[in-house]
Amino acid sequence: MAEIVMKAPTLEVVLASGVDRSAGTISVTFGSVDRKKFQLDFAPKCVPLAIAALAAQMGKLVAALPAERTPDLQGIRAIGTQLAMKDDGTVAILLRLESGADLPLEFQAKDLARLRDQIDEAAKLADPKARH
């Protein structure tokens, strides 16, 4: 007998996230294409692989689409940053997200100069005085 897999509706937008400490789970609330809200609860052990699986499959999907069908993606808005250094000398930039979560991004020393150049370029692009 074939195993039954329950299919959720197409989830279109992330509305919120949270932690249930008593249950030891992480929840994400989504809005569906039919404008309903769904909360999915995740055990911590599956979160890293779920994130990796979503990112990998997203790359495959977008790579296969013609340019005119590239999806309009929901952005991740950073509202603050903080620097940190690990004991091994790795530098991390903590991005504070609008959800209140901190996203640590670790960099090797050799990559920091390139990152600085890219941030300088982004700042120039974002400067309304520099636009024509």
C-alpha atoms as a PDB file:
ATOM      1  CA  MET A   1       0.000   0.000   0.000  1.00  0.00           C
ATOM      2  CA  ALA A   2       1.340   3.433  -0.950  1.00  0.00           C
ATOM      3  CA  GLU A   3       2.204   5.823   1.821  1.00  0.00           C
ATOM      4  CA  ILE A   4      -0.160   8.794   2.030  1.00  0.00           C
ATOM      5  CA  VAL A   5       1.491  12.222   2.019  1.00  0.00           C
ATOM      6  CA  MET A   6      -0.695  15.099   3.160  1.00  0.00           C
ATOM      7  CA  LYS A   7      -0.319  18.087   0.852  1.00  0.00           C
ATOM      8  CA  ALA A   8      -0.521  21.618   2.189  1.00  0.00           C
ATOM      9  CA  PRO A   9      -1.765  24.468   0.008  1.00  0.00           C
ATOM     10  CA  THR A  10       0.739  26.622  -1.829  1.00  0.00           C
ATOM     11  CA  LEU A  11       2.282  28.925   0.763  1.00  0.00           C
ATOM     12  CA  GLU A  12       2.994  32.346  -0.673  1.00  0.00           C
ATOM     13  CA  VAL A  13       4.226  34.679   2.066  1.00  0.00           C
ATOM     14  CA  VAL A  14       5.846  34.396   5.501  1.00  0.00           C
ATOM     15  CA  LEU A  15       3.770  36.320   8.027  1.00  0.00           C
ATOM     16  CA  ALA A  16       5.454  35.535  11.350  1.00  0.00           C
ATOM     17  CA  SER A  17       7.683  33.142  13.217  1.00  0.00           C
ATOM     18  CA  GLY A  18       8.065  32.124  16.818  1.00  0.00           C
ATOM     19  CA  VAL A  19       9.271  29.644  19.389  1.00  0.00           C
ATOM     20  CA  ASP A  20       7.197  27.418  21.645  1.00  0.00           C
ATOM     21  CA  ARG A  21       9.680  26.748  24.442  1.00  0.00           C
ATOM     22  CA  SER A  22       7.423  24.286  26.238  1.00  0.00           C
ATOM     23  CA  ALA A  23       6.981  22.184  23.082  1.00  0.00           C
ATOM     24  CA  GLY A  24      10.557  22.788  21.916  1.00  0.00           C
ATOM     25  CA  THR A  25       9.423  23.818  18.447  1.00  0.00           C
ATOM     26  CA  ILE A  26       9.886  26.649  15.992  1.00  0.00           C
ATOM     27  CA  SER A  27       6.823  27.895  14.161  1.00  0.00           C
ATOM     28  CA  VAL A  28       6.426  29.794  10.932  1.00  0.00           C
ATOM     29  CA  THR A  29       3.091  31.308   9.952  1.00  0.00           C
ATOM     30  CA  PHE A  30       2.465  31.530   6.225  1.00  0.00           C
ATOM     31  CA  GLY A  31      -0.184  33.103   4.044  1.00  0.00           C
ATOM     32  CA  SER A  32      -1.474  30.868   1.271  1.00  0.00           C
ATOM     33  CA  VAL A  33      -2.458  31.764  -2.274  1.00  0.00           C
ATOM     34  CA  ASP A  34      -6.105  31.524  -1.190  1.00  0.00           C
ATOM     35  CA  ARG A  35      -5.457  34.138   1.560  1.00  0.00           C
ATOM     36  CA  LYS A  36      -5.627  31.695   4.501  1.00  0.00           C
ATOM     37  CA  LYS A  37      -3.072  31.495   7.317  1.00  0.00           C
ATOM     38  CA  PHE A  38      -1.194  28.300   8.153  1.00  0.00           C
ATOM     39  CA  GLN A  39       1.237  27.684  10.990  1.00  0.00           C
ATOM     40  CA  LEU A  40       3.871  24.997  10.563  1.00  0.00           C
ATOM     41  CA  ASP A  41       5.745  23.781  13.642  1.00  0.00           C
ATOM     42  CA  PHE A  42       9.264  22.406  13.230  1.00  0.00           C
ATOM     43  CA  ALA A  43      11.393  20.304  15.555  1.00  0.00           C
ATOM     44  CA  PRO A  44      14.813  21.985  15.795  1.00  0.00           C
ATOM     45  CA  LYS A  45      16.625  18.946  14.402  1.00  0.00           C
ATOM     46  CA  CYS A  46      15.016  19.320  10.961  1.00  0.00           C
ATOM     47  CA  VAL A  47      15.362  23.109  10.579  1.00  0.00           C
ATOM     48  CA  PRO A  48      18.878  23.218   9.045  1.00  0.00           C
ATOM     49  CA  LEU A  49      18.063  20.560   6.460  1.00  0.00           C
ATOM     50  CA  ALA A  50      14.670  22.142   5.686  1.00  0.00           C
ATOM     51  CA  ILE A  51      16.391  25.475   5.023  1.00  0.00           C
ATOM     52  CA  ALA A  52      19.054  23.808   2.873  1.00  0.00           C
ATOM     53  CA  ALA A  53      16.436  21.815   0.936  1.00  0.00           C
ATOM     54  CA  LEU A  54      14.346  24.916   0.236  1.00  0.00           C
ATOM     55  CA  ALA A  55      17.399  26.879  -0.913  1.00  0.00           C
ATOM     56  CA  ALA A  56      18.639  24.060  -3.148  1.00  0.00           C
ATOM     57  CA  GLN A  57      15.273  23.466  -4.786  1.00  0.00           C
ATOM     58  CA  MET A  58      14.712  27.221  -5.210  1.00  0.00           C
ATOM     59  CA  GLY A  59      17.988  27.434  -7.120  1.00  0.00           C
ATOM     60  CA  LYS A  60      16.924  24.596  -9.400  1.00  0.00           C
ATOM     61  CA  LEU A  61      13.505  26.153 -10.033  1.00  0.00           C
ATOM     62  CA  VAL A  62      14.783  29.653 -10.790  1.00  0.00           C
ATOM     63  CA  ALA A  63      17.583  28.328 -13.019  1.00  0.00           C
ATOM     64  CA  ALA A  64      15.028  26.461 -15.134  1.00  0.00           C
ATOM     65  CA  LEU A  65      12.702  29.440 -15.623  1.00  0.00           C
ATOM     66  CA  PRO A  66      12.922  31.893 -18.502  1.00  0.00           C
ATOM     67  CA  ALA A  67      13.981  35.379 -17.374  1.00  0.00           C
ATOM     68  CA  GLU A  68      10.478  36.805 -17.761  1.00  0.00           C
ATOM     69  CA  ARG A  69       9.103  34.219 -15.315  1.00  0.00           C
ATOM     70  CA  THR A  70      11.592  34.912 -12.514  1.00  0.00           C
ATOM     71  CA  PRO A  71       9.506  35.049  -9.333  1.00  0.00           C
ATOM     72  CA  ASP A  72       9.038  38.222  -7.316  1.00  0.00           C
ATOM     73  CA  LEU A  73      10.715  37.195  -4.065  1.00  0.00           C
ATOM     74  CA  GLN A  74       9.737  38.268  -0.563  1.00  0.00           C
ATOM     75  CA  GLY A  75      12.738  40.177   0.724  1.00  0.00           C
ATOM     76  CA  ILE A  76      14.555  39.778   4.014  1.00  0.00           C
ATOM     77  CA  ARG A  77      14.750  43.224   5.597  1.00  0.00           C
ATOM     78  CA  ALA A  78      17.663  43.903   7.920  1.00  0.00           C
ATOM     79  CA  ILE A  79      17.027  46.666  10.455  1.00  0.00           C
ATOM     80  CA  GLY A  80      20.426  46.630  12.139  1.00  0.00           C
ATOM     81  CA  THR A  81      23.873  45.094  12.229  1.00  0.00           C
ATOM     82  CA  GLN A  82      26.447  44.189  14.846  1.00  0.00           C
ATOM     83  CA  LEU A  83      29.989  42.859  14.541  1.00  0.00           C
ATOM     84  CA  ALA A  84      31.245  39.866  16.478  1.00  0.00           C
ATOM     85  CA  MET A  85      34.459  37.852  16.477  1.00  0.00           C
ATOM     86  CA  LYS A  86      34.728  34.186  17.314  1.00  0.00           C
ATOM     87  CA  ASP A  87      37.641  32.725  19.267  1.00  0.00           C
ATOM     88  CA  ASP A  88      39.143  31.355  16.029  1.00  0.00           C
ATOM     89  CA  GLY A  89      39.324  34.861  14.508  1.00  0.00           C
ATOM     90  CA  THR A  90      36.330  34.425  12.235  1.00  0.00           C
ATOM     91  CA  VAL A  91      34.379  37.649  11.947  1.00  0.00           C
ATOM     92  CA  ALA A  92      30.605  37.547  12.008  1.00  0.00           C
ATOM     93  CA  ILE A  93      28.145  40.224  11.087  1.00  0.00           C
ATOM     94  CA  LEU A  94      24.874  39.772  12.926  1.00  0.00           C
ATOM     95  CA  LEU A  95      21.977  41.037  10.861  1.00  0.00           C
ATOM     96  CA  ARG A  96      18.975  41.987  12.981  1.00  0.00           C
ATOM     97  CA  LEU A  97      15.908  41.162  10.928  1.00  0.00           C
ATOM     98  CA  GLU A  98      12.578  42.959  11.094  1.00  0.00           C
ATOM     99  CA  SER A  99      11.185  39.844  12.789  1.00  0.00           C
ATOM    100  CA  GLY A 100      13.596  40.454  15.680  1.00  0.00           C
ATOM    101  CA  ALA A 101      15.751  37.462  14.778  1.00  0.00           C
ATOM    102  CA  ASP A 102      19.518  37.749  14.444  1.00  0.00           C
ATOM    103  CA  LEU A 103      21.112  36.130  11.401  1.00  0.00           C
ATOM    104  CA  PRO A 104      24.848  35.525  11.880  1.00  0.00           C
ATOM    105  CA  LEU A 105      26.951  35.673   8.719  1.00  0.00           C
ATOM    106  CA  GLU A 106      30.524  34.449   9.201  1.00  0.00           C
ATOM    107  CA  PHE A 107      33.403  35.650   7.030  1.00  0.00           C
ATOM    108  CA  GLN A 108      37.013  34.678   6.569  1.00  0.00           C
ATOM    109  CA  ALA A 109      39.434  37.609   6.830  1.00  0.00           C
ATOM    110  CA  LYS A 110      40.254  37.385   3.107  1.00  0.00           C
ATOM    111  CA  ASP A 111      36.606  37.947   2.185  1.00  0.00           C
ATOM    112  CA  LEU A 112      36.098  41.069   4.306  1.00  0.00           C
ATOM    113  CA  ALA A 113      37.859  43.454   1.879  1.00  0.00           C
ATOM    114  CA  ARG A 114      35.651  42.240  -0.970  1.00  0.00           C
ATOM    115  CA  LEU A 115      32.584  42.606   1.241  1.00  0.00           C
ATOM    116  CA  ARG A 116      33.637  46.178   2.108  1.00  0.00           C
ATOM    117  CA  ASP A 117      33.947  47.021  -1.593  1.00  0.00           C
ATOM    118  CA  GLN A 118      30.517  45.556  -2.302  1.00  0.00           C
ATOM    119  CA  ILE A 119      28.959  47.483   0.594  1.00  0.00           C
ATOM    120  CA  ASP A 120      30.597  50.701  -0.661  1.00  0.00           C
ATOM    121  CA  GLU A 121      29.149  50.032  -4.108  1.00  0.00           C
ATOM    122  CA  ALA A 122      25.701  49.303  -2.646  1.00  0.00           C
ATOM    123  CA  ALA A 123      25.824  52.553  -0.644  1.00  0.00           C
ATOM    124  CA  LYS A 124      26.597  54.498  -3.829  1.00  0.00           C
ATOM    125  CA  LEU A 125      23.714  52.831  -5.652  1.00  0.00           C
ATOM    126  CA  ALA A 126      21.341  53.606  -2.786  1.00  0.00           C
ATOM    127  CA  ASP A 127      22.396  57.278  -2.574  1.00  0.00           C
ATOM    128  CA  PRO A 128      19.684  59.350  -4.292  1.00  0.00           C
ATOM    129  CA  LYS A 129      22.244  62.105  -5.024  1.00  0.00           C
ATOM    130  CA  ALA A 130      24.285  59.664  -7.110  1.00  0.00           C
ATOM    131  CA  ARG A 131      21.339  58.694  -9.313  1.00  0.00           C
ATOM    132  CA  HIS A 132      20.786  60.432 -12.618  1.00  0.00           C
END
